[in-house]
Amino acid sequence: MERAFVRRVAFMQCQLEDMELAYMKTGACGHEERLEYQRLANTQSRLMKKVGLLSATSGQRDDDDDLDPLEYAARGGSRRSHRERLGD
């Protein structure tokens, strides 16, 4: 299931980048396009959190930041335990 989530995250990233490129080319972005972009970005973020690709400490790099996303998910997420990530 985690592999499916990671594939969806990657697909959504492609979709978001296509939408960004279209906006850069034309400068036009209607209400429906903005809503679709926002929905995709929010869904992508939720899926990334679900598989452990985003954490509450975003912005801080750790040892897992350079891993391939599929390898990361296959190992069950971070090398650190849940307690270590929470600072306990």
Protein backbone atom coordinates (compact mmCIF):
# COMPACT_ATOMS: atom_id res chain seq x y z
CA MET A 1 0.00 0.00 0.00
CA GLU A 2 2.85 2.39 0.80
CA ARG A 3 4.32 1.82 -2.67
CA ALA A 4 0.95 2.79 -4.17
CA PHE A 5 0.92 5.97 -2.06
CA VAL A 6 4.45 6.84 -3.19
CA ARG A 7 3.45 6.29 -6.84
CA ARG A 8 0.44 8.58 -6.32
CA VAL A 9 2.65 11.23 -4.73
CA ALA A 10 4.97 11.06 -7.76
CA PHE A 11 2.03 11.26 -10.19
CA MET A 12 0.59 14.25 -8.36
CA GLN A 13 3.99 15.95 -8.49
CA CYS A 14 4.02 15.52 -12.27
CA GLN A 15 0.49 16.91 -12.52
CA LEU A 16 1.36 19.89 -10.33
CA GLU A 17 4.49 20.63 -12.37
CA ASP A 18 2.47 20.44 -15.61
CA MET A 19 -0.02 22.93 -14.17
CA GLU A 20 2.80 25.22 -13.07
CA LEU A 21 4.37 25.07 -16.54
CA ALA A 22 1.04 25.89 -18.19
CA TYR A 23 0.68 28.90 -15.90
CA MET A 24 4.23 30.08 -16.64
CA LYS A 25 3.59 29.85 -20.38
CA THR A 26 0.27 31.70 -20.41
CA GLY A 27 0.10 33.61 -17.15
CA ALA A 28 -3.56 32.60 -17.01
CA CYS A 29 -5.04 30.62 -14.18
CA GLY A 30 -8.77 30.43 -13.68
CA HIS A 31 -10.69 29.70 -10.53
CA GLU A 32 -11.19 26.00 -11.37
CA GLU A 33 -7.47 25.54 -12.16
CA ARG A 34 -6.51 27.10 -8.83
CA LEU A 35 -8.93 24.85 -6.96
CA GLU A 36 -7.64 21.75 -8.75
CA TYR A 37 -4.03 22.76 -8.01
CA GLN A 38 -4.86 23.30 -4.35
CA ARG A 39 -6.67 19.95 -4.08
CA LEU A 40 -3.76 18.10 -5.69
CA ALA A 41 -1.18 19.84 -3.49
CA ASN A 42 -3.15 19.15 -0.30
CA THR A 43 -3.78 15.51 -1.21
CA GLN A 44 -0.10 15.05 -2.09
CA SER A 45 0.92 16.53 1.25
CA ARG A 46 -1.45 14.23 3.17
CA LEU A 47 -0.17 11.15 1.34
CA MET A 48 3.43 12.17 1.96
CA LYS A 49 2.71 12.50 5.68
CA LYS A 50 0.95 9.14 5.68
CA VAL A 51 4.04 7.33 4.38
CA GLY A 52 6.43 9.39 6.50
CA LEU A 53 7.89 11.56 3.74
CA LEU A 54 6.85 14.73 5.58
CA SER A 55 7.27 15.20 9.29
CA ALA A 56 6.32 17.73 11.91
CA THR A 57 9.91 18.98 11.78
CA SER A 58 9.84 19.92 8.10
CA GLY A 59 12.65 22.20 7.09
CA GLN A 60 15.16 20.24 9.15
CA ARG A 61 17.28 17.71 7.29
CA ASP A 62 18.06 14.31 8.72
CA ASP A 63 19.80 11.15 7.55
CA ASP A 64 16.74 9.99 5.58
CA ASP A 65 16.54 13.07 3.33
CA ASP A 66 18.78 11.63 0.61
CA LEU A 67 17.03 8.27 0.32
CA ASP A 68 15.04 7.11 -2.69
CA PRO A 69 11.32 7.44 -1.74
CA LEU A 70 10.54 3.81 -2.58
CA GLU A 71 13.49 2.57 -0.52
CA TYR A 72 12.40 4.81 2.36
CA ALA A 73 8.83 3.48 2.26
CA ALA A 74 9.98 -0.13 1.89
CA ARG A 75 11.96 0.19 5.11
CA GLY A 76 8.92 1.50 6.93
CA GLY A 77 9.97 5.13 7.12
CA SER A 78 12.63 6.80 9.17
CA ARG A 79 15.64 5.04 10.65
CA ARG A 80 14.81 6.69 13.95
CA SER A 81 12.13 5.34 16.27
CA HIS A 82 8.85 7.16 16.80
CA ARG A 83 10.03 8.34 20.23
CA GLU A 84 13.31 9.69 18.82
CA ARG A 85 11.41 11.66 16.16
CA LEU A 86 9.16 13.17 18.85
CA GLY A 87 12.16 14.16 20.96
CA ASP A 88 11.41 11.83 23.89
